[in-house]
C-alpha atoms as a PDB file:
ATOM      1  CA  MET A   1       0.000   0.000   0.000  1.00  0.00           C
ATOM      2  CA  ALA A   2       1.386   3.391  -1.031  1.00  0.00           C
ATOM      3  CA  ILE A   3       0.141   6.787   0.108  1.00  0.00           C
ATOM      4  CA  LEU A   4       0.733  10.058  -1.742  1.00  0.00           C
ATOM      5  CA  VAL A   5       0.843  13.342   0.196  1.00  0.00           C
ATOM      6  CA  ILE A   6       0.500  16.528  -1.859  1.00  0.00           C
ATOM      7  CA  ALA A   7       3.001  18.929  -0.307  1.00  0.00           C
ATOM      8  CA  GLU A   8       2.334  22.604   0.303  1.00  0.00           C
ATOM      9  CA  HIS A   9       5.507  24.635  -0.048  1.00  0.00           C
ATOM     10  CA  ASP A  10       7.006  27.897  -1.273  1.00  0.00           C
ATOM     11  CA  ASN A  11       9.570  26.086  -3.467  1.00  0.00           C
ATOM     12  CA  ALA A  12      12.269  26.699  -0.845  1.00  0.00           C
ATOM     13  CA  SER A  13      10.704  24.880   2.125  1.00  0.00           C
ATOM     14  CA  LEU A  14       7.649  22.911   3.195  1.00  0.00           C
ATOM     15  CA  LYS A  15       4.674  24.541   4.874  1.00  0.00           C
ATOM     16  CA  ALA A  16       4.048  23.332   8.408  1.00  0.00           C
ATOM     17  CA  THR A  17       0.684  21.850   7.366  1.00  0.00           C
ATOM     18  CA  THR A  18       2.485  19.307   5.190  1.00  0.00           C
ATOM     19  CA  LEU A  19       4.233  17.872   8.256  1.00  0.00           C
ATOM     20  CA  ASN A  20       0.877  17.325   9.993  1.00  0.00           C
ATOM     21  CA  THR A  21      -0.511  15.674   6.862  1.00  0.00           C
ATOM     22  CA  ILE A  22       2.479  13.316   6.713  1.00  0.00           C
ATOM     23  CA  SER A  23       1.704  12.270  10.303  1.00  0.00           C
ATOM     24  CA  ALA A  24      -1.859  11.447   9.275  1.00  0.00           C
ATOM     25  CA  ALA A  25      -0.583   9.477   6.286  1.00  0.00           C
ATOM     26  CA  ALA A  26       1.778   7.479   8.494  1.00  0.00           C
ATOM     27  CA  LYS A  27      -1.186   6.197  10.512  1.00  0.00           C
ATOM     28  CA  LEU A  28      -2.490   4.398   7.398  1.00  0.00           C
ATOM     29  CA  GLY A  29       0.327   1.874   7.620  1.00  0.00           C
ATOM     30  CA  GLY A  30       1.751   2.056   4.108  1.00  0.00           C
ATOM     31  CA  ALA A  31       4.731   3.647   2.399  1.00  0.00           C
ATOM     32  CA  VAL A  32       4.395   7.437   2.481  1.00  0.00           C
ATOM     33  CA  HIS A  33       5.437   9.322  -0.664  1.00  0.00           C
ATOM     34  CA  VAL A  34       5.452  13.111  -0.870  1.00  0.00           C
ATOM     35  CA  LEU A  35       4.753  14.964  -4.111  1.00  0.00           C
ATOM     36  CA  VAL A  36       6.558  18.293  -4.464  1.00  0.00           C
ATOM     37  CA  ALA A  37       5.304  20.149  -7.540  1.00  0.00           C
ATOM     38  CA  GLY A  38       6.876  23.539  -8.172  1.00  0.00           C
ATOM     39  CA  ALA A  39       9.529  25.496 -10.024  1.00  0.00           C
ATOM     40  CA  ASN A  40      13.101  25.410  -8.743  1.00  0.00           C
ATOM     41  CA  CYS A  41      11.712  23.494  -5.784  1.00  0.00           C
ATOM     42  CA  GLY A  42      14.821  21.532  -4.842  1.00  0.00           C
ATOM     43  CA  GLY A  43      14.924  23.100  -1.389  1.00  0.00           C
ATOM     44  CA  ALA A  44      11.424  21.890  -0.527  1.00  0.00           C
ATOM     45  CA  ALA A  45      12.208  18.435  -1.916  1.00  0.00           C
ATOM     46  CA  GLU A  46      15.377  18.161   0.187  1.00  0.00           C
ATOM     47  CA  GLN A  47      13.454  19.078   3.324  1.00  0.00           C
ATOM     48  CA  ALA A  48      10.725  16.532   2.498  1.00  0.00           C
ATOM     49  CA  ALA A  49      13.390  13.820   2.229  1.00  0.00           C
ATOM     50  CA  LYS A  50      14.409  14.525   5.843  1.00  0.00           C
ATOM     51  CA  VAL A  51      10.916  14.166   7.304  1.00  0.00           C
ATOM     52  CA  ALA A  52      10.434  11.158   9.554  1.00  0.00           C
ATOM     53  CA  GLY A  53       8.231   8.500   7.996  1.00  0.00           C
ATOM     54  CA  VAL A  54       8.687   9.560   4.371  1.00  0.00           C
ATOM     55  CA  ALA A  55       9.822   6.721   2.092  1.00  0.00           C
ATOM     56  CA  LYS A  56      10.077   8.621  -1.197  1.00  0.00           C
ATOM     57  CA  VAL A  57       9.849  12.174  -2.520  1.00  0.00           C
ATOM     58  CA  ARG A  58       8.415  12.641  -6.003  1.00  0.00           C
ATOM     59  CA  VAL A  59       9.477  15.945  -7.601  1.00  0.00           C
ATOM     60  CA  ALA A  60       7.796  17.633 -10.561  1.00  0.00           C
ATOM     61  CA  ASP A  61       9.897  20.697 -11.352  1.00  0.00           C
ATOM     62  CA  ALA A  62       8.550  22.836 -14.183  1.00  0.00           C
ATOM     63  CA  ALA A  63       7.843  26.514 -14.816  1.00  0.00           C
ATOM     64  CA  HIS A  64       4.077  26.027 -14.998  1.00  0.00           C
ATOM     65  CA  TYR A  65       4.031  24.649 -11.435  1.00  0.00           C
ATOM     66  CA  ASP A  66       5.572  27.828 -10.025  1.00  0.00           C
ATOM     67  CA  SER A  67       2.226  29.164  -8.787  1.00  0.00           C
ATOM     68  CA  GLN A  68       0.882  25.633  -8.140  1.00  0.00           C
ATOM     69  CA  THR A  69      -2.488  26.271  -9.755  1.00  0.00           C
ATOM     70  CA  ALA A  70      -5.045  23.643  -8.782  1.00  0.00           C
ATOM     71  CA  GLU A  71      -5.854  22.568 -12.333  1.00  0.00           C
ATOM     72  CA  ASN A  72      -2.247  21.770 -13.239  1.00  0.00           C
ATOM     73  CA  VAL A  73      -1.433  20.070  -9.936  1.00  0.00           C
ATOM     74  CA  ALA A  74      -4.613  17.957 -10.018  1.00  0.00           C
ATOM     75  CA  ALA A  75      -3.835  16.787 -13.549  1.00  0.00           C
ATOM     76  CA  LEU A  76      -0.298  15.904 -12.456  1.00  0.00           C
ATOM     77  CA  VAL A  77      -1.553  13.860  -9.493  1.00  0.00           C
ATOM     78  CA  VAL A  78      -4.052  11.950 -11.617  1.00  0.00           C
ATOM     79  CA  GLY A  79      -1.350  11.221 -14.176  1.00  0.00           C
ATOM     80  CA  ILE A  80       0.973   9.868 -11.486  1.00  0.00           C
ATOM     81  CA  VAL A  81      -1.772   7.646 -10.070  1.00  0.00           C
ATOM     82  CA  ALA A  82      -2.596   6.291 -13.544  1.00  0.00           C
ATOM     83  CA  ASN A  83       1.049   5.564 -14.408  1.00  0.00           C
ATOM     84  CA  GLU A  84       2.203   4.225 -11.051  1.00  0.00           C
ATOM     85  CA  ALA A  85       2.822   0.471 -11.337  1.00  0.00           C
ATOM     86  CA  ALA A  86       2.355  -0.223  -7.630  1.00  0.00           C
ATOM     87  CA  GLY A  87      -0.701   2.027  -7.420  1.00  0.00           C
ATOM     88  CA  TYR A  88      -1.541   4.625  -4.810  1.00  0.00           C
ATOM     89  CA  THR A  89      -4.366   3.679  -2.475  1.00  0.00           C
ATOM     90  CA  HIS A  90      -4.611   7.026  -0.666  1.00  0.00           C
ATOM     91  CA  ILE A  91      -4.040  10.648  -1.667  1.00  0.00           C
ATOM     92  CA  LEU A  92      -3.851  13.221   1.126  1.00  0.00           C
ATOM     93  CA  ALA A  93      -3.698  17.010   1.154  1.00  0.00           C
ATOM     94  CA  PRO A  94      -3.877  19.506   4.027  1.00  0.00           C
ATOM     95  CA  SER A  95      -7.331  20.958   4.637  1.00  0.00           C
ATOM     96  CA  THR A  96      -6.187  24.451   3.691  1.00  0.00           C
ATOM     97  CA  ALA A  97      -7.378  26.792   0.954  1.00  0.00           C
ATOM     98  CA  ASN A  98      -4.896  25.191  -1.431  1.00  0.00           C
ATOM     99  CA  GLY A  99      -5.638  21.612  -0.402  1.00  0.00           C
ATOM    100  CA  LYS A 100      -9.390  22.186  -0.639  1.00  0.00           C
ATOM    101  CA  ASN A 101      -8.839  23.515  -4.149  1.00  0.00           C
ATOM    102  CA  VAL A 102      -6.746  20.591  -5.420  1.00  0.00           C
ATOM    103  CA  ALA A 103      -8.224  17.517  -3.704  1.00  0.00           C
ATOM    104  CA  PRO A 104     -11.824  17.794  -5.027  1.00  0.00           C
ATOM    105  CA  ARG A 105     -10.477  18.094  -8.571  1.00  0.00           C
ATOM    106  CA  VAL A 106      -8.369  14.982  -8.082  1.00  0.00           C
ATOM    107  CA  ALA A 107     -11.345  13.072  -6.670  1.00  0.00           C
ATOM    108  CA  ALA A 108     -13.592  14.152  -9.538  1.00  0.00           C
ATOM    109  CA  LEU A 109     -11.024  13.171 -12.188  1.00  0.00           C
ATOM    110  CA  LEU A 110     -10.591   9.771 -10.514  1.00  0.00           C
ATOM    111  CA  ASP A 111     -14.387   9.401 -10.138  1.00  0.00           C
ATOM    112  CA  VAL A 112     -14.194   8.744  -6.402  1.00  0.00           C
ATOM    113  CA  ALA A 113     -15.735  10.402  -3.363  1.00  0.00           C
ATOM    114  CA  GLN A 114     -13.599  12.820  -1.389  1.00  0.00           C
ATOM    115  CA  ILE A 115     -13.421  12.461   2.394  1.00  0.00           C
ATOM    116  CA  SER A 116     -13.022  15.944   3.823  1.00  0.00           C
ATOM    117  CA  ASP A 117     -11.318  17.246   6.930  1.00  0.00           C
ATOM    118  CA  ILE A 118     -10.402  13.975   8.642  1.00  0.00           C
ATOM    119  CA  VAL A 119      -9.357  14.211  12.303  1.00  0.00           C
ATOM    120  CA  ALA A 120      -8.550  10.543  12.973  1.00  0.00           C
ATOM    121  CA  VAL A 121      -7.584   7.374  11.123  1.00  0.00           C
ATOM    122  CA  GLU A 122      -9.223   4.187  12.425  1.00  0.00           C
ATOM    123  CA  SER A 123      -8.016   1.906   9.642  1.00  0.00           C
ATOM    124  CA  ALA A 124      -6.955   2.026   6.010  1.00  0.00           C
ATOM    125  CA  ASP A 125     -10.567   2.506   4.917  1.00  0.00           C
ATOM    126  CA  THR A 126     -12.232   4.088   7.966  1.00  0.00           C
ATOM    127  CA  PHE A 127     -11.828   7.693   9.070  1.00  0.00           C
ATOM    128  CA  VAL A 128     -13.368  10.224  11.464  1.00  0.00           C
ATOM    129  CA  ARG A 129     -14.428  13.695  10.399  1.00  0.00           C
ATOM    130  CA  PRO A 130     -16.399  16.477  12.129  1.00  0.00           C
ATOM    131  CA  ILE A 131     -19.910  17.404  11.056  1.00  0.00           C
ATOM    132  CA  TYR A 132     -22.405  20.040  12.247  1.00  0.00           C
ATOM    133  CA  ALA A 133     -19.631  22.564  12.942  1.00  0.00           C
ATOM    134  CA  GLY A 134     -17.746  20.015  15.007  1.00  0.00           C
ATOM    135  CA  ASN A 135     -20.655  19.210  17.329  1.00  0.00           C
ATOM    136  CA  ALA A 136     -20.687  15.599  16.112  1.00  0.00           C
ATOM    137  CA  MET A 137     -18.145  13.219  14.659  1.00  0.00           C
ATOM    138  CA  ALA A 138     -18.904  10.994  11.698  1.00  0.00           C
ATOM    139  CA  THR A 139     -17.073   7.710  11.134  1.00  0.00           C
ATOM    140  CA  VAL A 140     -16.764   7.195   7.395  1.00  0.00           C
ATOM    141  CA  LYS A 141     -15.825   3.942   5.644  1.00  0.00           C
ATOM    142  CA  SER A 142     -14.794   4.126   1.996  1.00  0.00           C
ATOM    143  CA  SER A 143     -14.712   1.296  -0.533  1.00  0.00           C
ATOM    144  CA  ASP A 144     -13.136   3.404  -3.293  1.00  0.00           C
ATOM    145  CA  ALA A 145      -9.964   1.952  -4.798  1.00  0.00           C
ATOM    146  CA  VAL A 146      -8.242   5.313  -4.312  1.00  0.00           C
ATOM    147  CA  LYS A 147      -9.206   7.322  -1.254  1.00  0.00           C
ATOM    148  CA  VAL A 148      -8.799  11.092  -1.631  1.00  0.00           C
ATOM    149  CA  MET A 149      -8.767  12.993   1.656  1.00  0.00           C
ATOM    150  CA  THR A 150      -8.107  16.380   3.139  1.00  0.00           C
ATOM    151  CA  VAL A 151      -6.633  16.453   6.638  1.00  0.00           C
ATOM    152  CA  ARG A 152      -7.517  18.809   9.482  1.00  0.00           C
ATOM    153  CA  THR A 153      -3.932  19.488  10.377  1.00  0.00           C
ATOM    154  CA  THR A 154      -4.594  20.636  13.939  1.00  0.00           C
ATOM    155  CA  ALA A 155      -5.725  17.081  14.780  1.00  0.00           C
ATOM    156  CA  PHE A 156      -2.301  15.550  14.082  1.00  0.00           C
ATOM    157  CA  GLU A 157       1.139  16.280  15.496  1.00  0.00           C
ATOM    158  CA  ALA A 158       3.701  17.555  13.005  1.00  0.00           C
ATOM    159  CA  ALA A 159       6.113  14.921  11.702  1.00  0.00           C
ATOM    160  CA  ALA A 160       9.695  15.528  12.783  1.00  0.00           C
ATOM    161  CA  VAL A 161      12.241  16.944  10.371  1.00  0.00           C
ATOM    162  CA  LEU A 162      15.357  14.926  11.052  1.00  0.00           C
ATOM    163  CA  ALA A 163      18.880  16.303  11.319  1.00  0.00           C
ATOM    164  CA  ASN A 164      21.251  16.221   8.372  1.00  0.00           C
ATOM    165  CA  GLU A 165      22.456  12.747   9.242  1.00  0.00           C
ATOM    166  CA  GLY A 166      18.877  11.457   9.306  1.00  0.00           C
ATOM    167  CA  GLY A 167      16.178  11.232   6.700  1.00  0.00           C
ATOM    168  CA  SER A 168      17.014   8.836   3.949  1.00  0.00           C
ATOM    169  CA  ALA A 169      14.007   9.136   1.648  1.00  0.00           C
ATOM    170  CA  ALA A 170      14.831   8.757  -2.025  1.00  0.00           C
ATOM    171  CA  VAL A 171      14.231  11.806  -4.195  1.00  0.00           C
ATOM    172  CA  GLU A 172      12.859  10.916  -7.612  1.00  0.00           C
ATOM    173  CA  ALA A 173      11.990  13.189 -10.515  1.00  0.00           C
ATOM    174  CA  VAL A 174       8.634  12.628 -12.211  1.00  0.00           C
ATOM    175  CA  THR A 175       7.639  13.802 -15.649  1.00  0.00           C
ATOM    176  CA  ALA A 176       5.760  17.065 -15.497  1.00  0.00           C
ATOM    177  CA  GLY A 177       2.247  17.083 -16.862  1.00  0.00           C
ATOM    178  CA  PRO A 178       1.093  19.556 -19.496  1.00  0.00           C
ATOM    179  CA  ASP A 179       0.313  23.183 -18.764  1.00  0.00           C
ATOM    180  CA  LEU A 180      -3.464  23.185 -19.163  1.00  0.00           C
ATOM    181  CA  GLY A 181      -3.511  26.972 -19.393  1.00  0.00           C
ATOM    182  CA  LEU A 182      -6.894  27.175 -17.650  1.00  0.00           C
ATOM    183  CA  THR A 183      -5.804  29.648 -14.985  1.00  0.00           C
ATOM    184  CA  ALA A 184      -2.893  31.995 -14.436  1.00  0.00           C
ATOM    185  CA  LEU A 185      -1.647  33.831 -11.381  1.00  0.00           C
ATOM    186  CA  THR A 186      -1.758  37.552 -12.093  1.00  0.00           C
ATOM    187  CA  GLY A 187      -0.661  38.837  -8.688  1.00  0.00           C
ATOM    188  CA  ARG A 188      -0.151  37.956  -5.070  1.00  0.00           C
ATOM    189  CA  GLU A 189      -0.393  40.180  -2.006  1.00  0.00           C
ATOM    190  CA  LEU A 190       1.422  38.744   0.980  1.00  0.00           C
ATOM    191  CA  THR A 191       0.783  39.917   4.511  1.00  0.00           C
ATOM    192  CA  LYS A 192       4.121  40.386   6.260  1.00  0.00           C
ATOM    193  CA  SER A 193       4.233  40.290  10.029  1.00  0.00           C
ATOM    194  CA  ALA A 194       6.834  39.814  12.717  1.00  0.00           C
ATOM    195  CA  ARG A 195       4.277  37.776  14.655  1.00  0.00           C
ATOM    196  CA  PRO A 196       3.811  34.012  14.199  1.00  0.00           C
ATOM    197  CA  GLU A 197       1.588  32.734  11.391  1.00  0.00           C
ATOM    198  CA  LEU A 198      -1.954  32.248  12.706  1.00  0.00           C
ATOM    199  CA  GLY A 199      -2.402  28.636  11.660  1.00  0.00           C
ATOM    200  CA  ALA A 200       0.854  27.464  13.264  1.00  0.00           C
ATOM    201  CA  ALA A 201       1.084  29.748  16.320  1.00  0.00           C
ATOM    202  CA  LYS A 202       1.411  28.277  19.808  1.00  0.00           C
ATOM    203  CA  ILE A 203      -0.315  31.310  21.376  1.00  0.00           C
ATOM    204  CA  ILE A 204      -3.175  33.255  19.788  1.00  0.00           C
ATOM    205  CA  VAL A 205      -4.916  36.419  20.972  1.00  0.00           C
ATOM    206  CA  SER A 206      -8.285  36.894  19.246  1.00  0.00           C
ATOM    207  CA  GLY A 207     -10.690  39.791  19.374  1.00  0.00           C
ATOM    208  CA  GLY A 208     -14.391  40.059  18.673  1.00  0.00           C
ATOM    209  CA  ARG A 209     -17.114  42.597  18.121  1.00  0.00           C
ATOM    210  CA  GLY A 210     -16.937  43.604  21.785  1.00  0.00           C
ATOM    211  CA  LEU A 211     -13.817  45.638  20.996  1.00  0.00           C
ATOM    212  CA  GLY A 212     -16.030  48.164  19.228  1.00  0.00           C
ATOM    213  CA  SER A 213     -13.678  49.274  16.443  1.00  0.00           C
ATOM    214  CA  GLY A 214     -10.577  48.418  14.479  1.00  0.00           C
ATOM    215  CA  GLU A 215      -8.680  51.115  16.345  1.00  0.00           C
ATOM    216  CA  ASN A 216      -9.549  49.490  19.681  1.00  0.00           C
ATOM    217  CA  TYR A 217      -8.598  46.075  18.294  1.00  0.00           C
ATOM    218  CA  HIS A 218      -5.086  47.199  17.413  1.00  0.00           C
ATOM    219  CA  SER A 219      -4.460  49.441  20.421  1.00  0.00           C
ATOM    220  CA  LEU A 220      -5.610  46.823  22.949  1.00  0.00           C
ATOM    221  CA  LEU A 221      -4.624  43.479  21.448  1.00  0.00           C
ATOM    222  CA  GLU A 222      -1.335  44.230  19.699  1.00  0.00           C
ATOM    223  CA  PRO A 223       0.512  45.059  22.975  1.00  0.00           C
ATOM    224  CA  LEU A 224      -0.878  41.868  24.530  1.00  0.00           C
ATOM    225  CA  ALA A 225       0.151  39.761  21.533  1.00  0.00           C
ATOM    226  CA  ASP A 226       3.621  41.327  21.543  1.00  0.00           C
ATOM    227  CA  ALA A 227       4.046  40.608  25.256  1.00  0.00           C
ATOM    228  CA  LEU A 228       3.140  36.945  24.728  1.00  0.00           C
ATOM    229  CA  GLY A 229       4.828  36.416  21.362  1.00  0.00           C
ATOM    230  CA  ALA A 230       1.389  35.532  20.021  1.00  0.00           C
ATOM    231  CA  ALA A 231      -0.401  35.618  16.694  1.00  0.00           C
ATOM    232  CA  LEU A 232      -3.501  37.766  16.261  1.00  0.00           C
ATOM    233  CA  GLY A 233      -6.897  36.354  15.319  1.00  0.00           C
ATOM    234  CA  ALA A 234     -10.482  37.538  15.184  1.00  0.00           C
ATOM    235  CA  SER A 235     -14.061  36.357  15.138  1.00  0.00           C
ATOM    236  CA  ARG A 236     -16.113  36.533  11.975  1.00  0.00           C
ATOM    237  CA  ALA A 237     -18.128  39.394  13.468  1.00  0.00           C
ATOM    238  CA  ALA A 238     -14.945  41.456  13.904  1.00  0.00           C
ATOM    239  CA  VAL A 239     -13.844  40.685  10.351  1.00  0.00           C
ATOM    240  CA  ASP A 240     -17.277  41.500   8.913  1.00  0.00           C
ATOM    241  CA  ALA A 241     -17.235  44.792  10.818  1.00  0.00           C
ATOM    242  CA  GLY A 242     -13.952  45.678   9.138  1.00  0.00           C
ATOM    243  CA  TYR A 243     -11.749  45.671  12.232  1.00  0.00           C
ATOM    244  CA  VAL A 244      -9.152  43.407  10.554  1.00  0.00           C
ATOM    245  CA  PRO A 245      -8.684  41.599   7.204  1.00  0.00           C
ATOM    246  CA  ASN A 246     -10.321  38.215   6.672  1.00  0.00           C
ATOM    247  CA  ASP A 247      -7.014  36.330   6.941  1.00  0.00           C
ATOM    248  CA  TYR A 248      -7.295  36.971  10.708  1.00  0.00           C
ATOM    249  CA  GLN A 249     -10.566  35.047  10.940  1.00  0.00           C
ATOM    250  CA  VAL A 250     -10.727  31.999  13.190  1.00  0.00           C
ATOM    251  CA  GLY A 251     -13.741  29.742  12.768  1.00  0.00           C
ATOM    252  CA  GLN A 252     -15.593  27.304  10.585  1.00  0.00           C
ATOM    253  CA  THR A 253     -15.289  29.628   7.583  1.00  0.00           C
ATOM    254  CA  GLY A 254     -11.859  30.913   8.601  1.00  0.00           C
ATOM    255  CA  LYS A 255      -8.791  29.169   9.997  1.00  0.00           C
ATOM    256  CA  ILE A 256      -8.999  26.110  12.226  1.00  0.00           C
ATOM    257  CA  VAL A 257      -6.459  26.499  15.029  1.00  0.00           C
ATOM    258  CA  ALA A 258      -5.358  24.496  18.060  1.00  0.00           C
ATOM    259  CA  PRO A 259      -2.657  26.475  19.882  1.00  0.00           C
ATOM    260  CA  GLN A 260      -1.303  25.795  23.353  1.00  0.00           C
ATOM    261  CA  LEU A 261      -3.024  28.989  24.572  1.00  0.00           C
ATOM    262  CA  TYR A 262      -6.007  30.782  23.024  1.00  0.00           C
ATOM    263  CA  ILE A 263      -7.135  34.100  24.534  1.00  0.00           C
ATOM    264  CA  ALA A 264     -10.579  35.261  23.373  1.00  0.00           C
ATOM    265  CA  VAL A 265     -11.234  38.944  24.067  1.00  0.00           C
ATOM    266  CA  GLY A 266     -14.729  40.345  23.557  1.00  0.00           C
ATOM    267  CA  ILE A 267     -15.862  37.209  21.702  1.00  0.00           C
ATOM    268  CA  SER A 268     -19.301  35.886  22.599  1.00  0.00           C
ATOM    269  CA  GLY A 269     -18.620  32.367  21.322  1.00  0.00           C
ATOM    270  CA  ALA A 270     -20.877  31.802  18.334  1.00  0.00           C
ATOM    271  CA  ILE A 271     -20.824  28.204  17.120  1.00  0.00           C
ATOM    272  CA  GLN A 272     -19.025  29.288  13.936  1.00  0.00           C
ATOM    273  CA  HIS A 273     -16.114  30.603  15.981  1.00  0.00           C
ATOM    274  CA  LEU A 274     -16.029  27.744  18.490  1.00  0.00           C
ATOM    275  CA  ALA A 275     -15.702  25.246  15.628  1.00  0.00           C
ATOM    276  CA  GLY A 276     -12.370  26.829  14.741  1.00  0.00           C
ATOM    277  CA  MET A 277     -10.686  26.999  18.145  1.00  0.00           C
ATOM    278  CA  LYS A 278     -12.266  24.663  20.689  1.00  0.00           C
ATOM    279  CA  ASP A 279      -9.432  22.118  20.313  1.00  0.00           C
ATOM    280  CA  SER A 280      -6.979  24.645  21.799  1.00  0.00           C
ATOM    281  CA  LYS A 281      -5.106  23.211  24.776  1.00  0.00           C
ATOM    282  CA  VAL A 282      -5.954  26.114  27.143  1.00  0.00           C
ATOM    283  CA  ILE A 283      -8.726  28.638  26.426  1.00  0.00           C
ATOM    284  CA  VAL A 284      -8.970  31.946  28.287  1.00  0.00           C
ATOM    285  CA  ALA A 285     -12.083  34.083  27.781  1.00  0.00           C
ATOM    286  CA  ILE A 286     -12.492  37.748  28.702  1.00  0.00           C
ATOM    287  CA  ASN A 287     -16.042  39.055  28.356  1.00  0.00           C
ATOM    288  CA  LYS A 288     -18.349  41.318  30.348  1.00  0.00           C
ATOM    289  CA  ASP A 289     -21.356  39.015  29.762  1.00  0.00           C
ATOM    290  CA  PRO A 290     -21.261  36.108  32.246  1.00  0.00           C
ATOM    291  CA  GLU A 291     -23.747  34.197  30.062  1.00  0.00           C
ATOM    292  CA  ALA A 292     -21.578  34.354  26.932  1.00  0.00           C
ATOM    293  CA  PRO A 293     -21.282  30.890  25.311  1.00  0.00           C
ATOM    294  CA  ILE A 294     -17.487  31.231  25.153  1.00  0.00           C
ATOM    295  CA  PHE A 295     -17.342  30.516  28.893  1.00  0.00           C
ATOM    296  CA  GLN A 296     -18.766  27.021  28.277  1.00  0.00           C
ATOM    297  CA  VAL A 297     -15.571  25.957  26.489  1.00  0.00           C
ATOM    298  CA  ALA A 298     -13.101  28.176  28.364  1.00  0.00           C
ATOM    299  CA  ASP A 299     -10.656  26.702  30.863  1.00  0.00           C
ATOM    300  CA  TYR A 300     -10.348  30.131  32.496  1.00  0.00           C
ATOM    301  CA  GLY A 301     -12.983  32.840  32.298  1.00  0.00           C
ATOM    302  CA  LEU A 302     -12.756  36.453  33.399  1.00  0.00           C
ATOM    303  CA  VAL A 303     -15.964  38.466  33.565  1.00  0.00           C
ATOM    304  CA  GLY A 304     -15.052  42.100  33.258  1.00  0.00           C
ATOM    305  CA  ASP A 305     -14.647  45.162  31.085  1.00  0.00           C
ATOM    306  CA  LEU A 306     -12.030  44.283  28.475  1.00  0.00           C
ATOM    307  CA  PHE A 307     -11.020  47.950  28.218  1.00  0.00           C
ATOM    308  CA  GLU A 308      -9.823  47.722  31.822  1.00  0.00           C
ATOM    309  CA  VAL A 309      -8.744  44.083  31.992  1.00  0.00           C
ATOM    310  CA  VAL A 310      -6.522  43.891  28.896  1.00  0.00           C
ATOM    311  CA  PRO A 311      -4.322  46.919  29.763  1.00  0.00           C
ATOM    312  CA  GLN A 312      -3.916  45.536  33.302  1.00  0.00           C
ATOM    313  CA  LEU A 313      -2.870  42.189  31.837  1.00  0.00           C
ATOM    314  CA  VAL A 314      -0.342  43.879  29.528  1.00  0.00           C
ATOM    315  CA  ARG A 315       1.144  45.825  32.453  1.00  0.00           C
ATOM    316  CA  THR A 316       1.453  42.611  34.465  1.00  0.00           C
ATOM    317  CA  LEU A 317       3.248  40.838  31.630  1.00  0.00           C
ATOM    318  CA  ALA A 318       5.598  43.759  30.901  1.00  0.00           C
END
């Protein structure tokens, strides 16, 4: 049994979500292969070869994979599956914007059902995934010859990247597929921040509509995040109100996170938000409403005026 993991990378190195996906793949019990499709992506391929549990790295290096458009990558994956003598039984991708763009196309081209957002592997054909915004878990058994899955990366520990003397996975070039020319990247705007990336941060400070304005969000939460070395997040209500851009959003329609510490400030705890952060190891809620639903999932709750509490907390941490 061979498993193919579609790597997310920036051509120079792997994204952290790929390491979590490799851990999920390892639980299936077969040989784990990692596909690195990009342009001048040798750096990412070398790192993939050093990841614990990886048996082989398949590299497709071509100019038309530079932006890793979903149509081209999906066609490449399907071509590899069709031409692989041993045959891949499972194809995994992280449950990120990119993974959710590629995996359904692969499943459709292979004429199989996709299994989305798995959080546990029970056997080679049986998986657990959340439904109803995470309020219930469904156990899904698939009889498809090739099982295409996206992985909720917060549910699996990241696979270790071994030191230079470790990691002996073979690196093998694969023939690039054609450039379908269906889409083209015309521009990319990257948010640069000295703070940790939201999806991989160990500490997150999130703000909600209770902050009242974008100005309050930044003036109150940025000093707290800086003091803790934390990433900044927000509820959907805060994003919809224009306090921060939508890449800050934590929730069912935003980023799913599971940091060591999650501090929710002025967030009531709508089910959409809870679905994205309730797996955090420690949850601290600050809200003036003692009946706010966020307190039902919080490990520590502080009922009080956030405009007084947060500055006091910052002063204590300084």
